[in-house]
N, C-alpha and C. Protein backbone atom coordinates (compact mmCIF):
# COMPACT_ATOMS: atom_id res chain seq x y z
N UNK A 1 -25.39 -1.04 -55.96
CA UNK A 1 -24.37 -1.80 -55.28
C UNK A 1 -23.22 -0.92 -54.75
N UNK A 2 -22.82 0.03 -55.54
CA UNK A 2 -21.71 0.87 -55.13
C UNK A 2 -22.08 1.76 -53.95
N UNK A 3 -23.36 2.11 -53.79
CA UNK A 3 -23.76 2.93 -52.65
C UNK A 3 -23.57 2.18 -51.35
N UNK A 4 -23.85 0.91 -51.34
CA UNK A 4 -23.67 0.13 -50.10
C UNK A 4 -22.19 0.05 -49.73
N UNK A 5 -21.33 -0.17 -50.70
CA UNK A 5 -19.89 -0.24 -50.42
C UNK A 5 -19.36 1.10 -49.94
N UNK A 6 -19.79 2.16 -50.55
CA UNK A 6 -19.35 3.49 -50.15
C UNK A 6 -19.84 3.81 -48.75
N UNK A 7 -21.08 3.46 -48.45
CA UNK A 7 -21.63 3.70 -47.12
C UNK A 7 -20.87 2.89 -46.06
N UNK A 8 -20.53 1.65 -46.37
CA UNK A 8 -19.79 0.80 -45.44
C UNK A 8 -18.41 1.39 -45.16
N UNK A 9 -17.73 1.89 -46.18
CA UNK A 9 -16.41 2.50 -46.00
C UNK A 9 -16.50 3.74 -45.13
N UNK A 10 -17.51 4.54 -45.30
CA UNK A 10 -17.69 5.72 -44.47
C UNK A 10 -17.91 5.35 -43.01
N UNK A 11 -18.66 4.29 -42.79
CA UNK A 11 -18.90 3.84 -41.42
C UNK A 11 -17.61 3.35 -40.77
N UNK A 12 -16.79 2.65 -41.55
CA UNK A 12 -15.51 2.20 -40.99
C UNK A 12 -14.65 3.38 -40.58
N UNK A 13 -14.62 4.40 -41.36
CA UNK A 13 -13.86 5.60 -41.02
C UNK A 13 -14.42 6.29 -39.79
N UNK A 14 -15.74 6.29 -39.66
CA UNK A 14 -16.38 6.92 -38.50
C UNK A 14 -16.05 6.16 -37.22
N UNK A 15 -16.04 4.84 -37.32
CA UNK A 15 -15.70 4.03 -36.14
C UNK A 15 -14.26 4.29 -35.71
N UNK A 16 -13.37 4.46 -36.66
CA UNK A 16 -11.97 4.73 -36.33
C UNK A 16 -11.83 6.10 -35.65
N UNK A 17 -12.55 7.07 -36.13
CA UNK A 17 -12.51 8.40 -35.51
C UNK A 17 -13.10 8.35 -34.10
N UNK A 18 -14.19 7.62 -33.92
CA UNK A 18 -14.79 7.49 -32.59
C UNK A 18 -13.82 6.82 -31.62
N UNK A 19 -13.12 5.79 -32.11
CA UNK A 19 -12.13 5.12 -31.28
C UNK A 19 -11.01 6.09 -30.89
N UNK A 20 -10.56 6.88 -31.85
CA UNK A 20 -9.49 7.84 -31.57
C UNK A 20 -9.93 8.88 -30.55
N UNK A 21 -11.19 9.25 -30.56
CA UNK A 21 -11.69 10.23 -29.61
C UNK A 21 -11.87 9.66 -28.20
N UNK A 22 -12.26 8.41 -28.10
CA UNK A 22 -12.55 7.81 -26.80
C UNK A 22 -11.31 7.15 -26.18
N UNK A 23 -10.29 6.85 -26.97
CA UNK A 23 -9.10 6.15 -26.47
C UNK A 23 -8.40 6.87 -25.32
N UNK A 24 -8.19 8.19 -25.35
CA UNK A 24 -7.55 8.84 -24.20
C UNK A 24 -8.32 8.64 -22.89
N UNK A 25 -9.62 8.72 -22.95
CA UNK A 25 -10.42 8.50 -21.75
C UNK A 25 -10.29 7.07 -21.25
N UNK A 26 -10.30 6.11 -22.15
CA UNK A 26 -10.15 4.71 -21.75
C UNK A 26 -8.76 4.45 -21.14
N UNK A 27 -7.74 5.04 -21.73
CA UNK A 27 -6.39 4.89 -21.18
C UNK A 27 -6.29 5.53 -19.80
N UNK A 28 -6.89 6.70 -19.64
CA UNK A 28 -6.88 7.36 -18.34
C UNK A 28 -7.55 6.49 -17.29
N UNK A 29 -8.71 5.94 -17.60
CA UNK A 29 -9.40 5.07 -16.65
C UNK A 29 -8.59 3.82 -16.34
N UNK A 30 -7.92 3.27 -17.35
CA UNK A 30 -7.09 2.08 -17.14
C UNK A 30 -5.92 2.39 -16.21
N UNK A 31 -5.22 3.49 -16.44
CA UNK A 31 -4.08 3.86 -15.61
C UNK A 31 -4.51 4.17 -14.18
N UNK A 32 -5.61 4.88 -14.03
CA UNK A 32 -6.09 5.21 -12.68
C UNK A 32 -6.46 3.94 -11.93
N UNK A 33 -7.14 3.03 -12.59
CA UNK A 33 -7.53 1.77 -11.95
C UNK A 33 -6.30 0.94 -11.58
N UNK A 34 -5.32 0.91 -12.46
CA UNK A 34 -4.08 0.16 -12.19
C UNK A 34 -3.34 0.75 -10.98
N UNK A 35 -3.18 2.05 -10.94
CA UNK A 35 -2.48 2.67 -9.83
C UNK A 35 -3.24 2.53 -8.52
N UNK A 36 -4.55 2.65 -8.56
CA UNK A 36 -5.34 2.46 -7.35
C UNK A 36 -5.19 1.03 -6.84
N UNK A 37 -5.21 0.07 -7.75
CA UNK A 37 -5.01 -1.34 -7.36
C UNK A 37 -3.64 -1.58 -6.76
N UNK A 38 -2.61 -0.98 -7.34
CA UNK A 38 -1.26 -1.13 -6.78
C UNK A 38 -1.16 -0.51 -5.40
N UNK A 39 -1.75 0.67 -5.24
CA UNK A 39 -1.71 1.33 -3.93
C UNK A 39 -2.43 0.49 -2.88
N UNK A 40 -3.58 -0.06 -3.22
CA UNK A 40 -4.31 -0.91 -2.29
C UNK A 40 -3.53 -2.19 -1.97
N UNK A 41 -2.87 -2.75 -2.97
CA UNK A 41 -2.07 -3.95 -2.74
C UNK A 41 -0.93 -3.66 -1.76
N UNK A 42 -0.21 -2.54 -1.95
CA UNK A 42 0.89 -2.21 -1.04
C UNK A 42 0.37 -1.89 0.36
N UNK A 43 -0.76 -1.19 0.44
CA UNK A 43 -1.34 -0.90 1.75
C UNK A 43 -1.73 -2.20 2.46
N UNK A 44 -2.31 -3.14 1.73
CA UNK A 44 -2.69 -4.43 2.31
C UNK A 44 -1.45 -5.21 2.74
N UNK A 45 -0.38 -5.14 1.98
CA UNK A 45 0.87 -5.81 2.35
C UNK A 45 1.42 -5.24 3.66
N UNK A 46 1.39 -3.91 3.79
CA UNK A 46 1.88 -3.28 5.02
C UNK A 46 0.98 -3.62 6.21
N UNK A 47 -0.31 -3.64 6.00
CA UNK A 47 -1.24 -4.00 7.08
C UNK A 47 -1.01 -5.43 7.54
N UNK A 48 -0.81 -6.34 6.60
CA UNK A 48 -0.56 -7.73 6.96
C UNK A 48 0.76 -7.88 7.71
N UNK A 49 1.78 -7.14 7.30
CA UNK A 49 3.06 -7.25 8.01
C UNK A 49 2.94 -6.66 9.42
N UNK A 50 2.14 -5.62 9.59
CA UNK A 50 1.92 -5.07 10.93
C UNK A 50 1.20 -6.08 11.81
N UNK A 51 0.23 -6.76 11.24
CA UNK A 51 -0.48 -7.81 12.02
C UNK A 51 0.46 -8.94 12.40
N UNK A 52 1.32 -9.35 11.48
CA UNK A 52 2.27 -10.42 11.78
C UNK A 52 3.23 -10.00 12.89
N UNK A 53 3.70 -8.76 12.83
CA UNK A 53 4.65 -8.28 13.85
C UNK A 53 3.98 -8.16 15.20
N UNK A 54 2.75 -7.67 15.27
CA UNK A 54 2.08 -7.53 16.56
C UNK A 54 1.73 -8.91 17.12
N UNK A 55 1.41 -9.85 16.25
CA UNK A 55 1.15 -11.22 16.71
C UNK A 55 2.43 -11.82 17.29
N UNK A 56 3.58 -11.54 16.66
CA UNK A 56 4.87 -12.02 17.14
C UNK A 56 5.19 -11.42 18.52
N UNK A 57 4.97 -10.11 18.66
CA UNK A 57 5.28 -9.43 19.93
C UNK A 57 4.31 -9.78 21.03
N UNK A 58 3.10 -10.17 20.70
CA UNK A 58 2.10 -10.44 21.73
C UNK A 58 2.47 -11.63 22.61
N UNK A 59 3.34 -12.49 22.12
CA UNK A 59 3.73 -13.66 22.92
C UNK A 59 5.14 -13.50 23.51
N UNK A 60 5.73 -12.30 23.34
CA UNK A 60 7.06 -12.04 23.87
C UNK A 60 6.94 -11.27 25.18
N UNK A 61 8.03 -11.24 25.94
CA UNK A 61 8.09 -10.43 27.14
C UNK A 61 8.07 -8.96 26.74
N UNK A 62 7.25 -8.14 27.39
CA UNK A 62 7.17 -6.73 27.01
C UNK A 62 8.53 -6.04 27.02
N UNK A 63 8.78 -5.27 25.97
CA UNK A 63 10.04 -4.53 25.86
C UNK A 63 11.17 -5.31 25.21
N UNK A 64 10.91 -6.54 24.81
CA UNK A 64 11.96 -7.34 24.17
C UNK A 64 11.59 -7.63 22.72
N UNK A 65 12.56 -8.09 21.97
CA UNK A 65 12.40 -8.53 20.59
C UNK A 65 11.91 -7.41 19.66
N UNK A 66 12.25 -6.16 19.97
CA UNK A 66 11.82 -5.04 19.13
C UNK A 66 12.54 -5.07 17.78
N UNK A 67 13.83 -5.36 17.78
CA UNK A 67 14.57 -5.41 16.52
C UNK A 67 14.02 -6.49 15.60
N UNK A 68 13.67 -7.64 16.17
CA UNK A 68 13.10 -8.72 15.36
C UNK A 68 11.74 -8.33 14.80
N UNK A 69 10.95 -7.63 15.61
CA UNK A 69 9.64 -7.19 15.14
C UNK A 69 9.77 -6.16 14.02
N UNK A 70 10.74 -5.27 14.13
CA UNK A 70 10.97 -4.29 13.07
C UNK A 70 11.38 -4.99 11.78
N UNK A 71 12.24 -6.00 11.90
CA UNK A 71 12.64 -6.76 10.71
C UNK A 71 11.43 -7.49 10.11
N UNK A 72 10.58 -8.00 10.96
CA UNK A 72 9.37 -8.69 10.49
C UNK A 72 8.46 -7.72 9.76
N UNK A 73 8.36 -6.50 10.24
CA UNK A 73 7.55 -5.49 9.58
C UNK A 73 8.09 -5.14 8.19
N UNK A 74 9.40 -5.02 8.07
CA UNK A 74 9.99 -4.55 6.82
C UNK A 74 10.30 -5.70 5.85
N UNK A 75 10.92 -6.76 6.36
CA UNK A 75 11.42 -7.81 5.48
C UNK A 75 10.56 -9.09 5.48
N UNK A 76 9.66 -9.21 6.42
CA UNK A 76 8.84 -10.41 6.47
C UNK A 76 9.50 -11.55 7.22
N UNK A 77 10.68 -11.31 7.79
CA UNK A 77 11.36 -12.31 8.62
C UNK A 77 12.10 -11.58 9.73
N UNK A 78 12.48 -12.31 10.76
CA UNK A 78 13.12 -11.68 11.92
C UNK A 78 14.63 -11.54 11.75
N UNK A 79 15.19 -12.05 10.66
CA UNK A 79 16.64 -12.08 10.50
C UNK A 79 17.23 -10.90 9.74
N UNK A 80 16.43 -9.91 9.33
CA UNK A 80 16.93 -8.75 8.60
C UNK A 80 17.57 -9.16 7.28
N UNK A 81 16.93 -10.09 6.56
CA UNK A 81 17.46 -10.53 5.28
C UNK A 81 16.39 -10.41 4.20
N UNK A 82 16.84 -10.30 2.99
CA UNK A 82 15.92 -10.24 1.88
C UNK A 82 15.60 -8.81 1.46
N UNK A 83 14.58 -8.70 0.63
CA UNK A 83 14.15 -7.39 0.14
C UNK A 83 12.93 -6.94 0.93
N UNK A 84 12.72 -5.64 1.03
CA UNK A 84 11.53 -5.16 1.75
C UNK A 84 10.24 -5.67 1.11
N UNK A 85 9.22 -5.82 1.94
CA UNK A 85 7.94 -6.32 1.46
C UNK A 85 7.26 -5.38 0.48
N UNK A 86 7.47 -4.09 0.63
CA UNK A 86 6.88 -3.10 -0.27
C UNK A 86 8.00 -2.19 -0.79
N UNK A 87 7.84 -1.75 -2.01
CA UNK A 87 8.84 -0.90 -2.63
C UNK A 87 8.97 0.42 -1.86
N UNK A 88 10.18 0.74 -1.41
CA UNK A 88 10.41 1.97 -0.66
C UNK A 88 10.29 1.81 0.84
N UNK A 89 9.89 0.65 1.33
CA UNK A 89 9.78 0.42 2.77
C UNK A 89 11.16 0.17 3.34
N UNK A 90 11.46 0.80 4.47
CA UNK A 90 12.76 0.60 5.12
C UNK A 90 12.57 0.64 6.63
N UNK A 91 13.64 0.33 7.34
CA UNK A 91 13.59 0.39 8.80
C UNK A 91 13.37 1.81 9.30
N UNK A 92 13.63 2.82 8.45
CA UNK A 92 13.35 4.19 8.85
C UNK A 92 11.85 4.44 9.02
N UNK A 93 11.02 3.65 8.33
CA UNK A 93 9.57 3.76 8.48
C UNK A 93 9.07 3.10 9.75
N UNK A 94 9.97 2.40 10.45
CA UNK A 94 9.61 1.70 11.67
C UNK A 94 10.63 2.09 12.74
N UNK A 95 10.58 3.34 13.24
CA UNK A 95 11.57 3.78 14.23
C UNK A 95 11.50 2.95 15.50
N UNK A 96 12.65 2.60 16.03
CA UNK A 96 12.71 1.72 17.20
C UNK A 96 12.02 2.31 18.42
N UNK A 97 12.04 3.64 18.56
CA UNK A 97 11.47 4.24 19.77
C UNK A 97 9.94 4.34 19.71
N UNK A 98 9.35 4.33 18.52
CA UNK A 98 7.89 4.47 18.44
C UNK A 98 7.18 3.31 17.76
N UNK A 99 7.92 2.32 17.27
CA UNK A 99 7.27 1.26 16.51
C UNK A 99 6.47 0.30 17.38
N UNK A 100 6.96 0.01 18.54
CA UNK A 100 6.34 -1.03 19.37
C UNK A 100 6.09 -0.49 20.77
N UNK A 101 4.84 -0.49 21.17
CA UNK A 101 4.50 0.00 22.51
C UNK A 101 3.61 -1.00 23.22
N UNK A 102 3.84 -1.15 24.52
CA UNK A 102 3.01 -2.01 25.36
C UNK A 102 2.22 -1.12 26.30
N UNK A 103 0.98 -1.50 26.56
CA UNK A 103 0.14 -0.74 27.48
C UNK A 103 -0.62 -1.71 28.38
N UNK A 104 -0.84 -1.27 29.60
CA UNK A 104 -1.66 -2.04 30.54
C UNK A 104 -2.83 -1.14 30.93
N UNK A 105 -4.02 -1.73 30.97
CA UNK A 105 -5.20 -0.96 31.33
C UNK A 105 -6.14 -1.84 32.15
N UNK A 106 -6.96 -1.19 32.95
CA UNK A 106 -7.97 -1.92 33.70
C UNK A 106 -7.44 -2.45 35.01
N UNK A 107 -8.37 -3.02 35.76
CA UNK A 107 -8.02 -3.63 37.03
C UNK A 107 -8.88 -4.87 37.20
N UNK A 108 -8.19 -5.97 37.50
CA UNK A 108 -8.86 -7.24 37.77
C UNK A 108 -9.85 -7.63 36.68
N UNK A 109 -9.45 -8.06 35.56
CA UNK A 109 -8.08 -8.36 35.13
C UNK A 109 -7.42 -7.17 34.46
N UNK A 110 -6.11 -7.13 34.54
CA UNK A 110 -5.33 -6.12 33.82
C UNK A 110 -5.19 -6.60 32.38
N UNK A 111 -5.51 -5.73 31.46
CA UNK A 111 -5.42 -6.07 30.04
C UNK A 111 -4.15 -5.46 29.48
N UNK A 112 -3.27 -6.30 28.99
CA UNK A 112 -2.02 -5.86 28.37
C UNK A 112 -2.18 -5.90 26.86
N UNK A 113 -1.80 -4.82 26.20
CA UNK A 113 -1.84 -4.79 24.73
C UNK A 113 -0.49 -4.36 24.20
N UNK A 114 -0.24 -4.73 22.97
CA UNK A 114 0.96 -4.31 22.27
C UNK A 114 0.52 -3.73 20.93
N UNK A 115 1.18 -2.64 20.53
CA UNK A 115 0.85 -1.95 19.29
C UNK A 115 2.11 -1.77 18.47
N UNK A 116 2.03 -2.02 17.17
CA UNK A 116 3.14 -1.73 16.25
C UNK A 116 2.67 -0.67 15.26
N UNK A 117 3.63 0.10 14.74
CA UNK A 117 3.29 1.24 13.89
C UNK A 117 4.30 1.38 12.76
N UNK A 118 3.77 1.59 11.56
CA UNK A 118 4.59 1.95 10.39
C UNK A 118 4.25 3.41 10.09
N UNK A 119 5.27 4.27 10.04
CA UNK A 119 5.01 5.70 9.83
C UNK A 119 5.68 6.19 8.56
N UNK A 120 5.03 7.13 7.90
CA UNK A 120 5.63 7.83 6.78
C UNK A 120 5.94 7.01 5.56
N UNK A 121 5.21 5.93 5.31
CA UNK A 121 5.47 5.15 4.10
C UNK A 121 4.97 5.91 2.89
N UNK A 122 5.78 5.97 1.86
CA UNK A 122 5.44 6.69 0.63
C UNK A 122 5.24 5.70 -0.50
N UNK A 123 4.06 5.75 -1.10
CA UNK A 123 3.76 4.95 -2.29
C UNK A 123 4.25 5.71 -3.51
N UNK A 124 5.03 5.05 -4.35
CA UNK A 124 5.59 5.67 -5.55
C UNK A 124 4.79 5.22 -6.76
N UNK A 125 4.04 6.13 -7.33
CA UNK A 125 3.21 5.83 -8.48
C UNK A 125 4.06 5.68 -9.73
N UNK A 126 3.72 4.73 -10.57
CA UNK A 126 4.42 4.56 -11.84
C UNK A 126 4.07 5.68 -12.81
N UNK A 127 2.87 6.21 -12.67
CA UNK A 127 2.38 7.28 -13.54
C UNK A 127 2.03 8.49 -12.68
N UNK A 128 2.96 9.43 -12.50
CA UNK A 128 2.65 10.59 -11.67
C UNK A 128 1.45 11.37 -12.20
N UNK A 129 1.33 11.43 -13.52
CA UNK A 129 0.16 12.08 -14.11
C UNK A 129 -0.12 11.43 -15.46
N UNK A 130 -1.38 11.43 -15.82
CA UNK A 130 -1.79 10.89 -17.10
C UNK A 130 -2.67 11.93 -17.76
N UNK A 131 -2.25 12.38 -18.93
CA UNK A 131 -3.00 13.39 -19.69
C UNK A 131 -3.27 14.63 -18.84
N UNK A 132 -2.31 15.01 -18.02
CA UNK A 132 -2.45 16.21 -17.21
C UNK A 132 -3.17 16.01 -15.89
N UNK A 133 -3.65 14.82 -15.59
CA UNK A 133 -4.33 14.54 -14.33
C UNK A 133 -3.30 14.00 -13.35
N UNK A 134 -3.02 14.71 -12.25
CA UNK A 134 -2.03 14.30 -11.26
C UNK A 134 -2.67 13.36 -10.25
N UNK A 135 -2.00 12.26 -9.96
CA UNK A 135 -2.46 11.31 -8.96
C UNK A 135 -2.02 11.72 -7.56
N UNK A 136 -0.85 12.35 -7.49
CA UNK A 136 -0.27 12.69 -6.19
C UNK A 136 0.53 13.96 -6.35
N UNK A 137 1.67 14.07 -5.64
CA UNK A 137 2.49 15.25 -5.81
C UNK A 137 3.19 15.21 -7.17
N UNK A 138 4.05 16.17 -7.43
CA UNK A 138 4.70 16.28 -8.74
C UNK A 138 5.56 15.06 -9.08
N UNK A 139 6.07 14.38 -8.06
CA UNK A 139 6.89 13.19 -8.29
C UNK A 139 6.10 11.90 -8.30
N UNK A 140 4.80 11.97 -8.09
CA UNK A 140 3.97 10.78 -8.08
C UNK A 140 3.98 10.06 -6.74
N UNK A 141 4.27 10.76 -5.65
CA UNK A 141 4.35 10.13 -4.33
C UNK A 141 3.08 10.38 -3.54
N UNK A 142 2.60 9.34 -2.88
CA UNK A 142 1.46 9.44 -1.97
C UNK A 142 1.94 8.92 -0.63
N UNK A 143 1.87 9.75 0.41
CA UNK A 143 2.31 9.34 1.75
C UNK A 143 1.11 8.75 2.48
N UNK A 144 1.24 7.48 2.88
CA UNK A 144 0.18 6.81 3.63
C UNK A 144 0.17 7.34 5.06
N UNK A 145 -0.99 7.36 5.67
CA UNK A 145 -1.05 7.68 7.09
C UNK A 145 -0.47 6.50 7.88
N UNK A 146 -0.26 6.70 9.18
CA UNK A 146 0.33 5.64 10.00
C UNK A 146 -0.51 4.37 9.91
N UNK A 147 0.18 3.25 9.79
CA UNK A 147 -0.47 1.94 9.76
C UNK A 147 -0.15 1.27 11.09
N UNK A 148 -1.18 0.95 11.86
CA UNK A 148 -0.97 0.36 13.18
C UNK A 148 -1.76 -0.92 13.32
N UNK A 149 -1.31 -1.74 14.23
CA UNK A 149 -2.03 -2.95 14.61
C UNK A 149 -1.84 -3.14 16.11
N UNK A 150 -2.91 -3.50 16.80
CA UNK A 150 -2.88 -3.71 18.24
C UNK A 150 -3.44 -5.08 18.55
N UNK A 151 -2.81 -5.76 19.50
CA UNK A 151 -3.27 -7.08 19.91
C UNK A 151 -3.12 -7.23 21.41
N UNK A 152 -3.98 -7.98 21.98
CA UNK A 152 -3.91 -8.25 23.42
C UNK A 152 -2.79 -9.24 23.69
N UNK A 153 -1.99 -8.92 24.68
CA UNK A 153 -0.89 -9.79 25.08
C UNK A 153 -1.31 -10.55 26.34
N UNK A 154 -0.83 -11.78 26.48
CA UNK A 154 -1.19 -12.53 27.70
C UNK A 154 -0.63 -11.87 28.95
N UNK A 155 -1.38 -11.93 30.01
CA UNK A 155 -0.96 -11.30 31.28
C UNK A 155 0.04 -12.15 32.00
């Protein structure tokens, strides 16, 4: 009888040691998955705001309502109120001279398009590194490439 109890106690100790050995790897995978999900969520938020802004501009007269479109990109409304849609997003990421462009192409019919652009957005990771594995630069920042959306405007 005592051999079974002793064997059971040894197994419990072995399971605890195995858990201690595998826990860092599980935590690393959890943190990486969490940060990747957050980055994708913020990227999706920025993409949706770009689509909303280009949809707004597509029904406006070309060259007008740029300030409202910039506010729509950053704050989600045209009134420049509230908090930015993504952490760290500002009007500096949507420069007035390059954020909104109209183009005409073709002949009979002429196709008019409008494009909006978010530039230089930086995602700030909550965990710059986990167990020595760096996700981004030393500060945990990942700079997204330009996010653009283009839509056909009525002629």
